[in-house]
């Protein structure tokens, strides 16, 4: 039963993440990155307070646990959200979604290094294919006369690395800290950090409140804050506390598909033939990464 709940949590996490790229892109048409991040975490923290009002949680941690949470927070939310929104401001949702497909390969690689989860030869080949697909996309962009999104796509890769590191560290941290405690603390740190950065850089309270009168923008921030920030943090940490990091990473494929479809179908972004080739190479690599050992058992049987 717990395993099924963890699988559902991983699936829900991936669906929300897949849609979040589109909502970030929509919000960027209204306001700048700093204000979006500040408001996103304000609503995420309000979601935390509402959650605590309904279900009080013991939040006291020891010095060691506080240090662990602080390090996790550096990668998620600080590096992840900063690089993601800066990247999406300089690339398309479609390309970001395709590049997102390398996340399982990166997760497998980091899990093998830090959690000693075994990486088989076929998985190593899959990692190479996934990275090759991303490189192919960049080469086609630069040589084919299309919009060149190198900086934006590199920032998306940084956000993927931050996510993978966060999931690996969370897997280890949940052995001594409850997933909900980690989630609440990183939301609070994100709230303090991004709001401080916004106001230090000249942000005004009038703009902060006035921007929320635009209904499409408000709905985007609500989705990004409550569901995509607080919700996915809780779902992801819960999933990696019950399942191997490599298994949770597989669900990034769902996020990739939803991101690409939302970019093409809803935002009407261009979709060229080389996107299909690049996506196919990346997905083939992801399939190799997630080939299970059961094949050997069947042969033995």
C-alpha atoms as a PDB file:
ATOM      1  CA  UNK A   1       0.000   0.000   0.000  1.00  0.00           C
ATOM      2  CA  UNK A   2       2.809   2.426   0.917  1.00  0.00           C
ATOM      3  CA  UNK A   3       4.580   1.620  -2.345  1.00  0.00           C
ATOM      4  CA  UNK A   4       1.405   2.368  -4.337  1.00  0.00           C
ATOM      5  CA  UNK A   5       1.024   5.694  -2.530  1.00  0.00           C
ATOM      6  CA  UNK A   6       4.631   6.556  -3.314  1.00  0.00           C
ATOM      7  CA  UNK A   7       4.096   5.702  -6.997  1.00  0.00           C
ATOM      8  CA  UNK A   8       0.973   7.893  -7.089  1.00  0.00           C
ATOM      9  CA  UNK A   9       2.936  10.698  -5.417  1.00  0.00           C
ATOM     10  CA  UNK A  10       5.705  10.398  -8.031  1.00  0.00           C
ATOM     11  CA  UNK A  11       3.144  10.432 -10.864  1.00  0.00           C
ATOM     12  CA  UNK A  12       1.324  13.482  -9.463  1.00  0.00           C
ATOM     13  CA  UNK A  13       4.654  15.248  -8.954  1.00  0.00           C
ATOM     14  CA  UNK A  14       5.601  14.690 -12.589  1.00  0.00           C
ATOM     15  CA  UNK A  15       2.255  15.893 -13.970  1.00  0.00           C
ATOM     16  CA  UNK A  16       2.406  19.128 -11.962  1.00  0.00           C
ATOM     17  CA  UNK A  17       6.039  19.730 -12.945  1.00  0.00           C
ATOM     18  CA  UNK A  18       5.139  19.146 -16.596  1.00  0.00           C
ATOM     19  CA  UNK A  19       2.487  21.870 -16.460  1.00  0.00           C
ATOM     20  CA  UNK A  20       4.608  24.248 -14.389  1.00  0.00           C
ATOM     21  CA  UNK A  21       6.854  25.161 -17.341  1.00  0.00           C
ATOM     22  CA  UNK A  22       3.837  26.546 -19.179  1.00  0.00           C
ATOM     23  CA  UNK A  23       2.641  28.560 -16.167  1.00  0.00           C
ATOM     24  CA  UNK A  24       6.129  30.005 -15.635  1.00  0.00           C
ATOM     25  CA  UNK A  25       6.173  31.101 -19.277  1.00  0.00           C
ATOM     26  CA  UNK A  26       2.726  32.707 -18.914  1.00  0.00           C
ATOM     27  CA  UNK A  27       3.737  34.548 -15.745  1.00  0.00           C
ATOM     28  CA  UNK A  28       6.859  35.906 -17.479  1.00  0.00           C
ATOM     29  CA  UNK A  29       4.651  37.745 -19.972  1.00  0.00           C
ATOM     30  CA  UNK A  30       3.299  39.814 -17.057  1.00  0.00           C
ATOM     31  CA  UNK A  31       6.139  40.324 -14.548  1.00  0.00           C
ATOM     32  CA  UNK A  32       9.897  39.917 -14.012  1.00  0.00           C
ATOM     33  CA  UNK A  33      11.684  36.892 -12.587  1.00  0.00           C
ATOM     34  CA  UNK A  34      12.367  38.270  -9.095  1.00  0.00           C
ATOM     35  CA  UNK A  35       8.758  39.255  -8.431  1.00  0.00           C
ATOM     36  CA  UNK A  36       7.474  35.917  -9.741  1.00  0.00           C
ATOM     37  CA  UNK A  37       9.825  33.947  -7.477  1.00  0.00           C
ATOM     38  CA  UNK A  38       8.995  36.100  -4.446  1.00  0.00           C
ATOM     39  CA  UNK A  39       5.240  35.752  -4.922  1.00  0.00           C
ATOM     40  CA  UNK A  40       5.541  32.065  -5.826  1.00  0.00           C
ATOM     41  CA  UNK A  41       7.157  31.314  -2.486  1.00  0.00           C
ATOM     42  CA  UNK A  42       4.826  33.602  -0.598  1.00  0.00           C
ATOM     43  CA  UNK A  43       1.876  31.521  -1.789  1.00  0.00           C
ATOM     44  CA  UNK A  44       3.841  28.322  -1.160  1.00  0.00           C
ATOM     45  CA  UNK A  45       4.487  29.426   2.420  1.00  0.00           C
ATOM     46  CA  UNK A  46       0.825  30.380   2.857  1.00  0.00           C
ATOM     47  CA  UNK A  47       0.028  26.840   1.718  1.00  0.00           C
ATOM     48  CA  UNK A  48       2.409  25.534   4.392  1.00  0.00           C
ATOM     49  CA  UNK A  49       0.706  27.620   7.086  1.00  0.00           C
ATOM     50  CA  UNK A  50      -2.719  26.353   6.009  1.00  0.00           C
ATOM     51  CA  UNK A  51      -1.392  22.784   6.073  1.00  0.00           C
ATOM     52  CA  UNK A  52       0.006  23.292   9.603  1.00  0.00           C
ATOM     53  CA  UNK A  53      -3.304  24.779  10.768  1.00  0.00           C
ATOM     54  CA  UNK A  54      -5.098  21.635   9.617  1.00  0.00           C
ATOM     55  CA  UNK A  55      -2.420  19.169  10.730  1.00  0.00           C
ATOM     56  CA  UNK A  56       0.106  20.464  13.290  1.00  0.00           C
ATOM     57  CA  UNK A  57       3.610  19.035  12.780  1.00  0.00           C
ATOM     58  CA  UNK A  58       6.526  18.779  15.200  1.00  0.00           C
ATOM     59  CA  UNK A  59       9.191  20.982  13.593  1.00  0.00           C
ATOM     60  CA  UNK A  60      12.057  20.975  16.068  1.00  0.00           C
ATOM     61  CA  UNK A  61      15.328  19.683  14.585  1.00  0.00           C
ATOM     62  CA  UNK A  62      18.825  19.159  15.939  1.00  0.00           C
ATOM     63  CA  UNK A  63      21.824  21.154  14.703  1.00  0.00           C
ATOM     64  CA  UNK A  64      22.912  18.373  12.341  1.00  0.00           C
ATOM     65  CA  UNK A  65      19.432  18.113  10.800  1.00  0.00           C
ATOM     66  CA  UNK A  66      19.212  21.905  10.392  1.00  0.00           C
ATOM     67  CA  UNK A  67      22.549  21.881   8.535  1.00  0.00           C
ATOM     68  CA  UNK A  68      21.341  19.077   6.240  1.00  0.00           C
ATOM     69  CA  UNK A  69      18.144  20.976   5.415  1.00  0.00           C
ATOM     70  CA  UNK A  70      20.129  24.162   4.769  1.00  0.00           C
ATOM     71  CA  UNK A  71      22.370  22.373   2.256  1.00  0.00           C
ATOM     72  CA  UNK A  72      19.344  20.795   0.546  1.00  0.00           C
ATOM     73  CA  UNK A  73      17.725  24.230   0.325  1.00  0.00           C
ATOM     74  CA  UNK A  74      20.728  25.594  -1.552  1.00  0.00           C
ATOM     75  CA  UNK A  75      19.968  23.222  -4.440  1.00  0.00           C
ATOM     76  CA  UNK A  76      16.193  23.246  -3.995  1.00  0.00           C
ATOM     77  CA  UNK A  77      14.624  25.751  -3.979  1.00  0.00           C
ATOM     78  CA  UNK A  78      17.374  28.370  -4.508  1.00  0.00           C
ATOM     79  CA  UNK A  79      19.462  27.046  -7.437  1.00  0.00           C
ATOM     80  CA  UNK A  80      16.629  25.052  -9.022  1.00  0.00           C
ATOM     81  CA  UNK A  81      14.020  27.800  -9.224  1.00  0.00           C
ATOM     82  CA  UNK A  82      16.495  30.562 -10.061  1.00  0.00           C
ATOM     83  CA  UNK A  83      18.001  28.648 -12.989  1.00  0.00           C
ATOM     84  CA  UNK A  84      14.612  27.373 -14.179  1.00  0.00           C
ATOM     85  CA  UNK A  85      12.929  30.763 -14.451  1.00  0.00           C
ATOM     86  CA  UNK A  86      16.021  32.406 -15.965  1.00  0.00           C
ATOM     87  CA  UNK A  87      16.255  29.541 -18.460  1.00  0.00           C
ATOM     88  CA  UNK A  88      12.599  29.686 -19.468  1.00  0.00           C
ATOM     89  CA  UNK A  89      12.963  33.419 -20.046  1.00  0.00           C
ATOM     90  CA  UNK A  90      15.542  32.600 -22.748  1.00  0.00           C
ATOM     91  CA  UNK A  91      14.221  29.410 -24.323  1.00  0.00           C
ATOM     92  CA  UNK A  92      10.907  27.787 -25.271  1.00  0.00           C
ATOM     93  CA  UNK A  93       8.755  25.502 -23.142  1.00  0.00           C
ATOM     94  CA  UNK A  94       9.056  22.867 -25.884  1.00  0.00           C
ATOM     95  CA  UNK A  95      12.854  22.781 -25.827  1.00  0.00           C
ATOM     96  CA  UNK A  96      12.943  22.929 -22.028  1.00  0.00           C
ATOM     97  CA  UNK A  97      10.602  19.938 -21.953  1.00  0.00           C
ATOM     98  CA  UNK A  98      12.761  17.931 -24.334  1.00  0.00           C
ATOM     99  CA  UNK A  99      15.897  18.693 -22.320  1.00  0.00           C
ATOM    100  CA  UNK A 100      13.999  17.756 -19.150  1.00  0.00           C
ATOM    101  CA  UNK A 101      14.038  14.193 -20.498  1.00  0.00           C
ATOM    102  CA  UNK A 102      17.679  13.800 -19.475  1.00  0.00           C
ATOM    103  CA  UNK A 103      16.674  14.129 -15.803  1.00  0.00           C
ATOM    104  CA  UNK A 104      16.328  10.349 -15.211  1.00  0.00           C
ATOM    105  CA  UNK A 105      19.792   9.753 -16.661  1.00  0.00           C
ATOM    106  CA  UNK A 106      21.320  12.435 -14.437  1.00  0.00           C
ATOM    107  CA  UNK A 107      19.455  11.039 -11.422  1.00  0.00           C
ATOM    108  CA  UNK A 108      20.757   7.525 -12.109  1.00  0.00           C
ATOM    109  CA  UNK A 109      24.306   8.847 -12.426  1.00  0.00           C
ATOM    110  CA  UNK A 110      24.185  10.785  -9.152  1.00  0.00           C
ATOM    111  CA  UNK A 111      22.404   7.973  -7.314  1.00  0.00           C
ATOM    112  CA  UNK A 112      25.190   5.598  -8.347  1.00  0.00           C
ATOM    113  CA  UNK A 113      27.872   8.010  -7.095  1.00  0.00           C
ATOM    114  CA  UNK A 114      26.359   9.121  -3.808  1.00  0.00           C
ATOM    115  CA  UNK A 115      23.890   6.369  -2.865  1.00  0.00           C
ATOM    116  CA  UNK A 116      25.944   3.523  -4.375  1.00  0.00           C
ATOM    117  CA  UNK A 117      22.939   2.360  -6.427  1.00  0.00           C
ATOM    118  CA  UNK A 118      24.394   0.103  -9.106  1.00  0.00           C
ATOM    119  CA  UNK A 119      24.627   1.392 -12.696  1.00  0.00           C
ATOM    120  CA  UNK A 120      24.778  -1.322 -15.334  1.00  0.00           C
ATOM    121  CA  UNK A 121      26.580  -1.014 -18.664  1.00  0.00           C
ATOM    122  CA  UNK A 122      23.329  -0.529 -20.579  1.00  0.00           C
ATOM    123  CA  UNK A 123      22.392   2.350 -18.244  1.00  0.00           C
ATOM    124  CA  UNK A 124      25.743   4.011 -18.905  1.00  0.00           C
ATOM    125  CA  UNK A 125      25.068   3.788 -22.642  1.00  0.00           C
ATOM    126  CA  UNK A 126      21.633   5.292 -22.044  1.00  0.00           C
ATOM    127  CA  UNK A 127      23.138   8.260 -20.198  1.00  0.00           C
ATOM    128  CA  UNK A 128      25.450   8.891 -23.171  1.00  0.00           C
ATOM    129  CA  UNK A 129      22.489   8.782 -25.615  1.00  0.00           C
ATOM    130  CA  UNK A 130      20.463  11.207 -23.472  1.00  0.00           C
ATOM    131  CA  UNK A 131      23.281  13.730 -23.336  1.00  0.00           C
ATOM    132  CA  UNK A 132      23.950  13.267 -27.075  1.00  0.00           C
ATOM    133  CA  UNK A 133      20.312  14.144 -27.803  1.00  0.00           C
ATOM    134  CA  UNK A 134      20.646  17.454 -25.961  1.00  0.00           C
ATOM    135  CA  UNK A 135      23.912  18.264 -27.760  1.00  0.00           C
ATOM    136  CA  UNK A 136      22.218  17.462 -31.099  1.00  0.00           C
ATOM    137  CA  UNK A 137      19.404  19.929 -30.342  1.00  0.00           C
ATOM    138  CA  UNK A 138      21.882  22.706 -29.634  1.00  0.00           C
ATOM    139  CA  UNK A 139      23.897  21.996 -32.786  1.00  0.00           C
ATOM    140  CA  UNK A 140      20.760  22.029 -34.938  1.00  0.00           C
ATOM    141  CA  UNK A 141      19.605  25.289 -33.382  1.00  0.00           C
ATOM    142  CA  UNK A 142      22.907  27.007 -34.087  1.00  0.00           C
ATOM    143  CA  UNK A 143      23.496  25.672 -37.614  1.00  0.00           C
ATOM    144  CA  UNK A 144      19.981  25.568 -39.008  1.00  0.00           C
ATOM    145  CA  UNK A 145      19.137  29.253 -38.823  1.00  0.00           C
ATOM    146  CA  UNK A 146      16.715  28.717 -35.936  1.00  0.00           C
ATOM    147  CA  UNK A 147      16.556  30.708 -32.705  1.00  0.00           C
ATOM    148  CA  UNK A 148      19.650  29.892 -30.669  1.00  0.00           C
ATOM    149  CA  UNK A 149      18.735  29.191 -27.046  1.00  0.00           C
ATOM    150  CA  UNK A 150      22.108  28.001 -25.711  1.00  0.00           C
ATOM    151  CA  UNK A 151      22.109  30.060 -22.496  1.00  0.00           C
ATOM    152  CA  UNK A 152      18.468  29.294 -21.723  1.00  0.00           C
ATOM    153  CA  UNK A 153      18.928  25.571 -22.324  1.00  0.00           C
ATOM    154  CA  UNK A 154      22.131  25.456 -20.251  1.00  0.00           C
ATOM    155  CA  UNK A 155      20.213  27.035 -17.378  1.00  0.00           C
ATOM    156  CA  UNK A 156      17.512  24.379 -17.733  1.00  0.00           C
ATOM    157  CA  UNK A 157      20.260  21.729 -17.485  1.00  0.00           C
ATOM    158  CA  UNK A 158      21.504  23.429 -14.296  1.00  0.00           C
ATOM    159  CA  UNK A 159      17.968  23.191 -12.870  1.00  0.00           C
ATOM    160  CA  UNK A 160      17.870  19.490 -13.782  1.00  0.00           C
ATOM    161  CA  UNK A 161      21.181  18.918 -11.993  1.00  0.00           C
ATOM    162  CA  UNK A 162      19.846  20.763  -8.949  1.00  0.00           C
ATOM    163  CA  UNK A 163      16.718  18.568  -8.954  1.00  0.00           C
ATOM    164  CA  UNK A 164      18.751  15.362  -9.186  1.00  0.00           C
ATOM    165  CA  UNK A 165      21.064  16.439  -6.348  1.00  0.00           C
ATOM    166  CA  UNK A 166      18.040  17.440  -4.256  1.00  0.00           C
ATOM    167  CA  UNK A 167      16.358  14.055  -4.762  1.00  0.00           C
ATOM    168  CA  UNK A 168      19.537  12.154  -3.918  1.00  0.00           C
ATOM    169  CA  UNK A 169      20.149  14.239  -0.795  1.00  0.00           C
ATOM    170  CA  UNK A 170      16.488  13.961   0.239  1.00  0.00           C
ATOM    171  CA  UNK A 171      16.653  10.178  -0.072  1.00  0.00           C
ATOM    172  CA  UNK A 172      19.499  10.174   2.435  1.00  0.00           C
ATOM    173  CA  UNK A 173      18.031  12.898   4.665  1.00  0.00           C
ATOM    174  CA  UNK A 174      14.650  11.173   5.126  1.00  0.00           C
ATOM    175  CA  UNK A 175      16.399   8.444   7.129  1.00  0.00           C
ATOM    176  CA  UNK A 176      16.618  10.891  10.036  1.00  0.00           C
ATOM    177  CA  UNK A 177      14.186  13.700   9.119  1.00  0.00           C
ATOM    178  CA  UNK A 178      10.495  13.349   8.239  1.00  0.00           C
ATOM    179  CA  UNK A 179       9.670  14.328   4.608  1.00  0.00           C
ATOM    180  CA  UNK A 180       7.093  16.881   5.766  1.00  0.00           C
ATOM    181  CA  UNK A 181       9.666  18.559   8.035  1.00  0.00           C
ATOM    182  CA  UNK A 182      12.132  18.920   5.147  1.00  0.00           C
ATOM    183  CA  UNK A 183       9.372  20.331   2.927  1.00  0.00           C
ATOM    184  CA  UNK A 184       8.243  22.931   5.454  1.00  0.00           C
ATOM    185  CA  UNK A 185      11.764  24.136   6.179  1.00  0.00           C
ATOM    186  CA  UNK A 186      12.790  24.482   2.520  1.00  0.00           C
ATOM    187  CA  UNK A 187       9.564  26.371   1.770  1.00  0.00           C
ATOM    188  CA  UNK A 188      10.308  28.775   4.619  1.00  0.00           C
ATOM    189  CA  UNK A 189      13.902  29.287   3.441  1.00  0.00           C
ATOM    190  CA  UNK A 190      12.698  29.882  -0.130  1.00  0.00           C
ATOM    191  CA  UNK A 191      10.112  32.390   1.113  1.00  0.00           C
ATOM    192  CA  UNK A 192      12.730  34.362   3.058  1.00  0.00           C
ATOM    193  CA  UNK A 193      15.410  34.200   0.362  1.00  0.00           C
ATOM    194  CA  UNK A 194      13.411  35.182  -2.736  1.00  0.00           C
ATOM    195  CA  UNK A 195      11.397  37.897  -0.995  1.00  0.00           C
ATOM    196  CA  UNK A 196      14.592  39.373   0.455  1.00  0.00           C
ATOM    197  CA  UNK A 197      16.252  39.347  -2.983  1.00  0.00           C
ATOM    198  CA  UNK A 198      13.204  41.040  -4.543  1.00  0.00           C
ATOM    199  CA  UNK A 199      13.041  43.915  -2.046  1.00  0.00           C
ATOM    200  CA  UNK A 200      16.835  44.356  -1.815  1.00  0.00           C
ATOM    201  CA  UNK A 201      16.857  44.813  -5.609  1.00  0.00           C
ATOM    202  CA  UNK A 202      14.407  47.715  -5.407  1.00  0.00           C
ATOM    203  CA  UNK A 203      11.076  45.898  -5.467  1.00  0.00           C
ATOM    204  CA  UNK A 204       8.076  47.779  -4.085  1.00  0.00           C
ATOM    205  CA  UNK A 205       5.130  46.600  -1.997  1.00  0.00           C
ATOM    206  CA  UNK A 206       2.777  48.420  -4.381  1.00  0.00           C
ATOM    207  CA  UNK A 207       3.982  46.440  -7.373  1.00  0.00           C
ATOM    208  CA  UNK A 208       3.989  43.261  -5.287  1.00  0.00           C
ATOM    209  CA  UNK A 209       0.284  43.574  -4.467  1.00  0.00           C
ATOM    210  CA  UNK A 210      -0.871  45.381  -7.617  1.00  0.00           C
ATOM    211  CA  UNK A 211       0.427  42.686  -9.976  1.00  0.00           C
ATOM    212  CA  UNK A 212      -1.963  40.155  -8.447  1.00  0.00           C
ATOM    213  CA  UNK A 213      -4.979  42.002  -9.865  1.00  0.00           C
ATOM    214  CA  UNK A 214      -4.300  40.405 -13.269  1.00  0.00           C
ATOM    215  CA  UNK A 215      -6.381  37.213 -13.120  1.00  0.00           C
ATOM    216  CA  UNK A 216      -4.279  35.070 -15.544  1.00  0.00           C
ATOM    217  CA  UNK A 217      -1.140  36.065 -13.640  1.00  0.00           C
ATOM    218  CA  UNK A 218      -2.738  35.400 -10.247  1.00  0.00           C
ATOM    219  CA  UNK A 219      -3.914  31.928 -11.341  1.00  0.00           C
ATOM    220  CA  UNK A 220      -0.424  31.162 -12.667  1.00  0.00           C
ATOM    221  CA  UNK A 221       1.212  32.226  -9.383  1.00  0.00           C
ATOM    222  CA  UNK A 222      -1.319  30.234  -7.344  1.00  0.00           C
ATOM    223  CA  UNK A 223      -0.556  27.115  -9.383  1.00  0.00           C
ATOM    224  CA  UNK A 224       3.195  27.691  -9.201  1.00  0.00           C
ATOM    225  CA  UNK A 225       3.165  28.501  -5.495  1.00  0.00           C
ATOM    226  CA  UNK A 226       0.719  26.062  -3.937  1.00  0.00           C
ATOM    227  CA  UNK A 227       0.868  23.085  -6.306  1.00  0.00           C
ATOM    228  CA  UNK A 228       4.156  23.348  -8.194  1.00  0.00           C
ATOM    229  CA  UNK A 229       6.295  24.509  -5.257  1.00  0.00           C
ATOM    230  CA  UNK A 230       4.809  23.269  -1.990  1.00  0.00           C
ATOM    231  CA  UNK A 231       2.860  20.365  -3.482  1.00  0.00           C
ATOM    232  CA  UNK A 232       5.640  18.885  -5.626  1.00  0.00           C
ATOM    233  CA  UNK A 233       8.224  19.291  -2.850  1.00  0.00           C
ATOM    234  CA  UNK A 234       6.077  17.254  -0.490  1.00  0.00           C
ATOM    235  CA  UNK A 235       5.176  14.656  -3.121  1.00  0.00           C
ATOM    236  CA  UNK A 236       8.750  14.243  -4.351  1.00  0.00           C
ATOM    237  CA  UNK A 237      10.329  13.914  -0.912  1.00  0.00           C
ATOM    238  CA  UNK A 238       7.637  11.435   0.128  1.00  0.00           C
ATOM    239  CA  UNK A 239       8.225   9.380  -3.023  1.00  0.00           C
ATOM    240  CA  UNK A 240      12.020   9.188  -2.623  1.00  0.00           C
ATOM    241  CA  UNK A 241      11.588   8.268   1.047  1.00  0.00           C
ATOM    242  CA  UNK A 242       9.685   5.122   0.010  1.00  0.00           C
ATOM    243  CA  UNK A 243      11.207   4.239  -3.383  1.00  0.00           C
ATOM    244  CA  UNK A 244      14.714   4.103  -4.906  1.00  0.00           C
ATOM    245  CA  UNK A 245      15.741   7.444  -6.409  1.00  0.00           C
ATOM    246  CA  UNK A 246      16.287   5.744  -9.786  1.00  0.00           C
ATOM    247  CA  UNK A 247      12.689   4.470  -9.823  1.00  0.00           C
ATOM    248  CA  UNK A 248      11.273   7.900  -8.961  1.00  0.00           C
ATOM    249  CA  UNK A 249      13.401   9.430 -11.720  1.00  0.00           C
ATOM    250  CA  UNK A 250      11.518   7.395 -14.332  1.00  0.00           C
ATOM    251  CA  UNK A 251       8.453   9.584 -13.792  1.00  0.00           C
ATOM    252  CA  UNK A 252      10.295  12.586 -15.240  1.00  0.00           C
ATOM    253  CA  UNK A 253       9.323  11.111 -18.615  1.00  0.00           C
ATOM    254  CA  UNK A 254       5.698  11.996 -17.854  1.00  0.00           C
ATOM    255  CA  UNK A 255       6.714  15.581 -17.055  1.00  0.00           C
ATOM    256  CA  UNK A 256       8.639  15.777 -20.334  1.00  0.00           C
ATOM    257  CA  UNK A 257       5.637  14.692 -22.410  1.00  0.00           C
ATOM    258  CA  UNK A 258       3.249  17.099 -20.685  1.00  0.00           C
ATOM    259  CA  UNK A 259       5.701  20.006 -20.995  1.00  0.00           C
ATOM    260  CA  UNK A 260       6.207  19.457 -24.732  1.00  0.00           C
ATOM    261  CA  UNK A 261       2.471  19.086 -25.403  1.00  0.00           C
ATOM    262  CA  UNK A 262       1.602  22.216 -23.408  1.00  0.00           C
ATOM    263  CA  UNK A 263       4.228  24.221 -25.297  1.00  0.00           C
ATOM    264  CA  UNK A 264       3.080  23.099 -28.734  1.00  0.00           C
ATOM    265  CA  UNK A 265      -0.705  22.795 -28.229  1.00  0.00           C
ATOM    266  CA  UNK A 266      -1.436  25.600 -25.741  1.00  0.00           C
ATOM    267  CA  UNK A 267       1.358  28.147 -26.269  1.00  0.00           C
ATOM    268  CA  UNK A 268       1.617  27.422 -30.041  1.00  0.00           C
ATOM    269  CA  UNK A 269       5.403  27.226 -29.952  1.00  0.00           C
ATOM    270  CA  UNK A 270       7.284  26.052 -33.075  1.00  0.00           C
ATOM    271  CA  UNK A 271       8.078  22.354 -33.317  1.00  0.00           C
ATOM    272  CA  UNK A 272      10.711  21.418 -35.916  1.00  0.00           C
ATOM    273  CA  UNK A 273      11.747  18.031 -37.289  1.00  0.00           C
ATOM    274  CA  UNK A 274      14.994  18.110 -35.299  1.00  0.00           C
ATOM    275  CA  UNK A 275      12.979  18.378 -32.075  1.00  0.00           C
ATOM    276  CA  UNK A 276      11.487  14.972 -32.920  1.00  0.00           C
ATOM    277  CA  UNK A 277      14.922  13.467 -33.646  1.00  0.00           C
ATOM    278  CA  UNK A 278      16.471  14.951 -30.520  1.00  0.00           C
ATOM    279  CA  UNK A 279      13.555  13.835 -28.360  1.00  0.00           C
ATOM    280  CA  UNK A 280      13.728  10.312 -29.836  1.00  0.00           C
ATOM    281  CA  UNK A 281      17.464  10.028 -29.065  1.00  0.00           C
ATOM    282  CA  UNK A 282      16.945  11.305 -25.504  1.00  0.00           C
ATOM    283  CA  UNK A 283      13.967   9.019 -24.857  1.00  0.00           C
ATOM    284  CA  UNK A 284      15.857   6.029 -26.281  1.00  0.00           C
ATOM    285  CA  UNK A 285      18.633   6.800 -23.820  1.00  0.00           C
ATOM    286  CA  UNK A 286      16.115   7.066 -20.979  1.00  0.00           C
ATOM    287  CA  UNK A 287      14.638   3.678 -21.927  1.00  0.00           C
ATOM    288  CA  UNK A 288      18.123   2.123 -21.751  1.00  0.00           C
ATOM    289  CA  UNK A 289      18.701   3.761 -18.372  1.00  0.00           C
ATOM    290  CA  UNK A 290      15.519   2.180 -17.036  1.00  0.00           C
ATOM    291  CA  UNK A 291      15.898  -1.325 -18.498  1.00  0.00           C
ATOM    292  CA  UNK A 292      15.266  -3.646 -15.582  1.00  0.00           C
ATOM    293  CA  UNK A 293      17.233  -6.691 -14.527  1.00  0.00           C
ATOM    294  CA  UNK A 294      14.086  -8.813 -14.732  1.00  0.00           C
ATOM    295  CA  UNK A 295      15.149  -9.776 -18.251  1.00  0.00           C
ATOM    296  CA  UNK A 296      18.004 -11.791 -16.762  1.00  0.00           C
ATOM    297  CA  UNK A 297      15.719 -13.515 -14.313  1.00  0.00           C
ATOM    298  CA  UNK A 298      13.372 -14.529 -17.089  1.00  0.00           C
ATOM    299  CA  UNK A 299      16.256 -16.067 -19.018  1.00  0.00           C
ATOM    300  CA  UNK A 300      17.425 -17.913 -15.927  1.00  0.00           C
ATOM    301  CA  UNK A 301      13.922 -19.261 -15.392  1.00  0.00           C
END
